[in-house]
Protein backbone atom coordinates (compact mmCIF):
# COMPACT_ATOMS: atom_id res chain seq x y z
CA UNK A 1 50.69 97.14 36.46
CA UNK A 2 52.45 95.47 33.70
CA UNK A 3 55.40 93.18 33.74
CA UNK A 4 58.39 95.48 33.18
CA UNK A 5 60.76 93.00 31.70
CA UNK A 6 58.66 91.78 29.40
CA UNK A 7 48.49 95.00 30.12
CA UNK A 8 13.26 92.66 25.81
CA UNK A 9 11.31 94.32 25.39
CA UNK A 10 8.64 93.31 27.90
CA UNK A 11 4.94 93.29 27.39
CA UNK A 12 3.86 95.41 30.30
CA UNK A 13 0.19 95.87 31.03
CA UNK A 14 -0.42 99.16 32.79
CA UNK A 15 -2.43 98.67 35.98
CA UNK A 16 -5.60 100.55 36.64
CA UNK A 17 -4.94 103.72 38.67
CA UNK A 18 -5.21 102.87 42.35
CA UNK A 19 -8.41 103.92 44.05
CA UNK A 20 -10.22 104.91 40.81
CA UNK A 21 -12.98 102.59 39.62
CA UNK A 22 -15.27 104.94 37.67
CA UNK A 23 -15.34 108.37 36.05
CA UNK A 24 -18.54 110.49 36.07
CA UNK A 25 -19.35 113.50 33.94
CA UNK A 26 -20.65 116.46 35.92
CA UNK A 27 -22.53 119.36 34.40
CA UNK A 28 -20.75 122.56 35.58
CA UNK A 29 -24.09 124.47 35.62
CA UNK A 30 -25.45 122.18 38.35
CA UNK A 31 -22.63 122.94 40.76
CA UNK A 32 -23.39 125.53 43.39
CA UNK A 33 -20.46 127.89 44.07
CA UNK A 34 -20.87 127.28 47.81
CA UNK A 35 -20.56 123.51 47.32
CA UNK A 36 -16.81 123.79 46.70
CA UNK A 37 -14.95 124.16 49.97
CA UNK A 38 -12.03 126.58 49.68
CA UNK A 39 -9.82 124.34 51.75
CA UNK A 40 -10.35 121.47 49.30
CA UNK A 41 -9.58 123.39 46.15
CA UNK A 42 -6.24 122.44 44.65
CA UNK A 43 -3.87 124.36 42.47
CA UNK A 44 -1.10 122.81 40.43
CA UNK A 45 2.26 123.54 42.00
CA UNK A 46 4.63 125.51 39.80
CA UNK A 47 7.62 123.67 38.45
CA UNK A 48 10.73 124.04 40.58
CA UNK A 49 13.43 125.05 38.15
CA UNK A 50 15.96 125.27 40.94
CA UNK A 51 16.26 121.49 41.24
CA UNK A 52 19.01 119.96 39.13
CA UNK A 53 18.14 117.35 36.56
CA UNK A 54 18.82 113.77 37.52
CA UNK A 55 22.38 112.82 36.67
CA UNK A 56 23.18 109.53 34.95
CA UNK A 57 24.11 106.68 37.24
CA UNK A 58 27.81 106.37 37.97
CA UNK A 59 29.83 103.19 37.77
CA UNK A 60 29.93 101.83 41.29
CA UNK A 61 31.81 98.93 42.86
CA UNK A 62 29.87 95.83 43.81
CA UNK A 63 30.25 93.29 46.58
CA UNK A 64 29.56 90.38 44.20
CA UNK A 65 32.39 88.76 42.23
CA UNK A 66 31.96 89.34 38.50
CA UNK A 67 34.87 88.47 36.21
CA UNK A 68 35.32 88.62 32.47
CA UNK A 69 37.74 86.58 30.39
CA UNK A 70 40.73 88.34 28.78
CA UNK A 71 39.76 90.18 25.61
CA UNK A 72 42.06 88.04 23.45
CA UNK A 73 39.57 85.18 23.74
CA UNK A 74 36.81 87.26 22.09
CA UNK A 75 34.22 86.12 24.62
CA UNK A 76 31.26 88.29 25.55
CA UNK A 77 31.72 89.61 29.11
CA UNK A 78 28.89 89.34 31.66
CA UNK A 79 26.21 91.96 31.05
CA UNK A 80 26.83 93.49 34.47
CA UNK A 81 30.58 93.87 33.90
CA UNK A 82 31.98 97.40 33.78
CA UNK A 83 35.49 98.80 33.81
CA UNK A 84 36.54 100.51 37.05
CA UNK A 85 36.68 104.32 37.11
CA UNK A 86 40.25 105.59 37.13
CA UNK A 87 39.52 107.51 40.33
CA UNK A 88 38.64 104.21 42.00
CA UNK A 89 41.70 102.42 40.63
CA UNK A 90 44.06 105.19 41.66
CA UNK A 91 46.05 104.47 44.82
CA UNK A 92 48.25 101.81 46.41
CA UNK A 93 47.51 98.09 46.01
CA UNK A 94 49.07 94.96 47.53
CA UNK A 95 49.61 92.02 45.18
CA UNK A 96 48.35 89.15 47.33
CA UNK A 97 48.14 86.24 44.86
CA UNK A 98 49.68 85.66 41.45
CA UNK A 99 50.47 83.07 38.78
CA UNK A 100 53.53 85.04 37.61
CA UNK A 101 56.88 83.33 38.36
CA UNK A 102 58.55 86.69 39.06
CA UNK A 103 56.65 87.08 42.34
CA UNK A 104 57.72 83.70 43.72
CA UNK A 105 61.01 85.26 44.79
CA UNK A 106 59.66 88.54 46.13
CA UNK A 107 57.59 89.85 49.03
CA UNK A 108 55.61 92.98 49.86
CA UNK A 109 54.74 93.62 46.22
CA UNK A 110 52.92 96.93 45.97
CA UNK A 111 51.56 98.75 42.93
CA UNK A 112 50.73 102.45 42.90
CA UNK A 113 48.55 103.99 40.20
CA UNK A 114 48.30 107.74 39.75
CA UNK A 115 46.17 109.52 37.16
CA UNK A 116 48.16 111.56 34.64
CA UNK A 117 46.42 114.52 32.98
CA UNK A 118 46.30 114.40 29.17
CA UNK A 119 49.35 115.90 27.50
CA UNK A 120 47.10 117.50 24.86
CA UNK A 121 43.41 118.48 24.68
CA UNK A 122 42.60 115.32 22.70
CA UNK A 123 45.10 113.09 24.48
CA UNK A 124 44.22 110.05 26.60
CA UNK A 125 44.16 109.98 30.38
CA UNK A 126 47.02 107.71 31.39
CA UNK A 127 48.19 106.12 34.61
CA UNK A 128 51.56 106.50 36.25
CA UNK A 129 52.48 102.93 37.28
CA UNK A 130 55.02 102.15 40.01
CA UNK A 131 55.81 98.64 41.24
CA UNK A 132 57.76 98.08 44.44
CA UNK A 133 58.91 94.76 45.90
CA UNK A 134 61.53 93.21 48.14
CA UNK A 135 63.54 90.25 46.74
CA UNK A 136 63.53 87.16 48.95
CA UNK A 137 66.39 85.42 47.13
CA UNK A 138 68.92 86.07 44.41
CA UNK A 139 67.85 85.83 40.79
CA UNK A 140 69.76 85.60 37.52
CA UNK A 141 68.86 89.23 36.86
CA UNK A 142 69.04 92.05 39.43
CA UNK A 143 65.63 93.14 40.68
CA UNK A 144 65.22 96.89 41.13
CA UNK A 145 63.37 98.11 44.22
CA UNK A 146 60.99 100.15 42.06
CA UNK A 147 59.89 99.78 38.44
CA UNK A 148 58.20 102.77 36.87
CA UNK A 149 56.15 103.07 33.73
CA UNK A 150 53.09 104.62 32.11
CA UNK A 151 49.82 102.88 31.24
CA UNK A 152 48.01 104.13 28.13
CA UNK A 153 44.35 103.08 27.73
CA UNK A 154 43.75 100.45 25.09
CA UNK A 155 40.05 99.73 25.21
CA UNK A 156 37.66 99.30 28.11
CA UNK A 157 39.57 98.32 31.23
CA UNK A 158 42.78 97.57 29.29
CA UNK A 159 46.14 99.33 29.07
CA UNK A 160 49.43 99.23 27.23
CA UNK A 161 52.40 99.60 29.60
CA UNK A 162 55.66 101.29 28.65
CA UNK A 163 58.63 101.53 30.98
CA UNK A 164 60.36 104.76 31.96
CA UNK A 165 64.06 105.57 31.73
CA UNK A 166 66.23 102.59 30.89
CA UNK A 167 63.11 100.41 30.77
CA UNK A 168 61.54 102.47 27.99
CA UNK A 169 62.35 99.66 25.57
CA UNK A 170 60.13 97.31 27.61
CA UNK A 171 56.39 97.11 27.03
CA UNK A 172 53.44 94.85 27.67
CA UNK A 173 49.64 94.78 27.93
CA UNK A 174 47.35 94.23 30.90
CA UNK A 175 43.66 94.45 31.67
CA UNK A 176 41.19 94.28 34.52
CA UNK A 177 39.15 91.08 34.71
CA UNK A 178 37.16 92.12 37.76
CA UNK A 179 36.98 94.59 40.63
CA UNK A 180 34.78 95.54 43.55
CA UNK A 181 34.43 96.25 47.24
CA UNK A 182 33.32 94.17 50.18
CA UNK A 183 32.92 95.91 53.51
CA UNK A 184 36.18 97.81 54.07
CA UNK A 185 38.36 96.23 51.37
CA UNK A 186 38.68 96.78 47.65
CA UNK A 187 39.93 94.12 45.26
CA UNK A 188 41.08 93.87 41.64
CA UNK A 189 41.92 90.92 39.38
CA UNK A 190 44.28 91.70 36.49
CA UNK A 191 45.53 89.68 33.54
CA UNK A 192 48.87 90.22 31.81
CA UNK A 193 49.58 89.27 28.23
CA UNK A 194 52.72 87.20 27.60
CA UNK A 195 55.86 89.23 26.97
CA UNK A 196 59.38 88.51 25.80
CA UNK A 197 60.48 87.47 29.29
CA UNK A 198 57.35 86.26 31.11
CA UNK A 199 54.29 84.11 30.38
CA UNK A 200 50.71 85.29 30.58
CA UNK A 201 49.59 85.66 34.17
CA UNK A 202 46.91 86.73 36.64
CA UNK A 203 47.31 88.90 39.73
CA UNK A 204 44.95 89.57 42.63
CA UNK A 205 45.20 92.99 44.28
CA UNK A 206 43.90 94.15 47.65
CA UNK A 207 43.59 97.64 49.08
CA UNK A 208 44.64 96.23 52.45
CA UNK A 209 48.35 96.33 53.23
CA UNK A 210 48.09 92.92 54.93
CA UNK A 211 46.41 91.41 51.87
CA UNK A 212 42.99 90.14 50.85
CA UNK A 213 40.78 88.53 53.50
CA UNK A 214 40.42 84.76 53.38
CA UNK A 215 36.70 84.71 52.68
CA UNK A 216 36.91 87.25 49.86
CA UNK A 217 39.82 85.45 48.24
CA UNK A 218 37.91 82.17 48.34
CA UNK A 219 35.11 83.76 46.30
CA UNK A 220 37.60 85.32 43.85
CA UNK A 221 39.40 81.99 43.44
CA UNK A 222 36.14 80.18 42.68
CA UNK A 223 35.22 82.83 40.09
CA UNK A 224 38.64 82.56 38.42
CA UNK A 225 38.39 78.79 38.14
CA UNK A 226 34.94 79.20 36.60
CA UNK A 227 36.04 81.58 33.83
CA UNK A 228 34.71 80.88 30.35
CA UNK A 229 38.29 81.07 29.04
CA UNK A 230 39.29 77.58 30.18
CA UNK A 231 42.97 78.19 29.51
CA UNK A 232 43.00 81.02 32.09
CA UNK A 233 40.85 79.03 34.51
CA UNK A 234 43.30 76.13 34.39
CA UNK A 235 46.25 78.50 34.81
CA UNK A 236 44.72 79.91 37.98
CA UNK A 237 43.89 76.45 39.26
CA UNK A 238 47.42 75.11 38.81
CA UNK A 239 49.71 78.13 39.20
CA UNK A 240 48.03 80.65 41.51
CA UNK A 241 50.04 81.19 44.69
CA UNK A 242 50.01 83.55 47.65
CA UNK A 243 52.57 86.36 47.44
CA UNK A 244 54.48 86.76 50.69
CA UNK A 245 53.56 89.79 52.78
CA UNK A 246 55.86 90.49 55.66
CA UNK A 247 56.23 93.91 57.25
């Protein structure tokens, strides 16, 4: 989601074959035909062409917490970091914690991502992006119940958001800092670039309607405060708050 008003080589020594300590040369002429038992003769099995070739490993969620710093800081992400597959990201998410001021006066913030087929053969695969929330108090600007836009990919795990309808003039950038699964809950950490109306910020998403579990959030919080981008780490330490969930 984006803010609408504003995305060795190793030296390996091969071991000796197990169980083989010596090779002996045998003269074929000294072997009696009867000395070879039929039930011990072996024949190489034909290749099974019906079995499919091994497919490359797919990107899979992990239970460990691995975060990268926002791309603007030009820091090398952890070697194990990968962007989430769109199929995994697709669905409904609850915003459970955030540094963004806009969510201090809202509750039940939910974001829905839906994959959009390319509009042309060479076009990008985009995301339909819908944000829903319930205001908890009046603000200087009216808050719509739903904000809709489209996310266009802008590098690995990053998107450019553009609003729909009257909000088409609004745009921003956001990216995934981390994602994964632990037991029955999925989680995502996103970073939003500063826009005309809002500062840079970090959100924590959970696949659970009631929000992220306490233990999982504690691990995410520790990882955020340990980011290599100290500016973001300090932001999370000082401004991160729980978003109200009340159904």
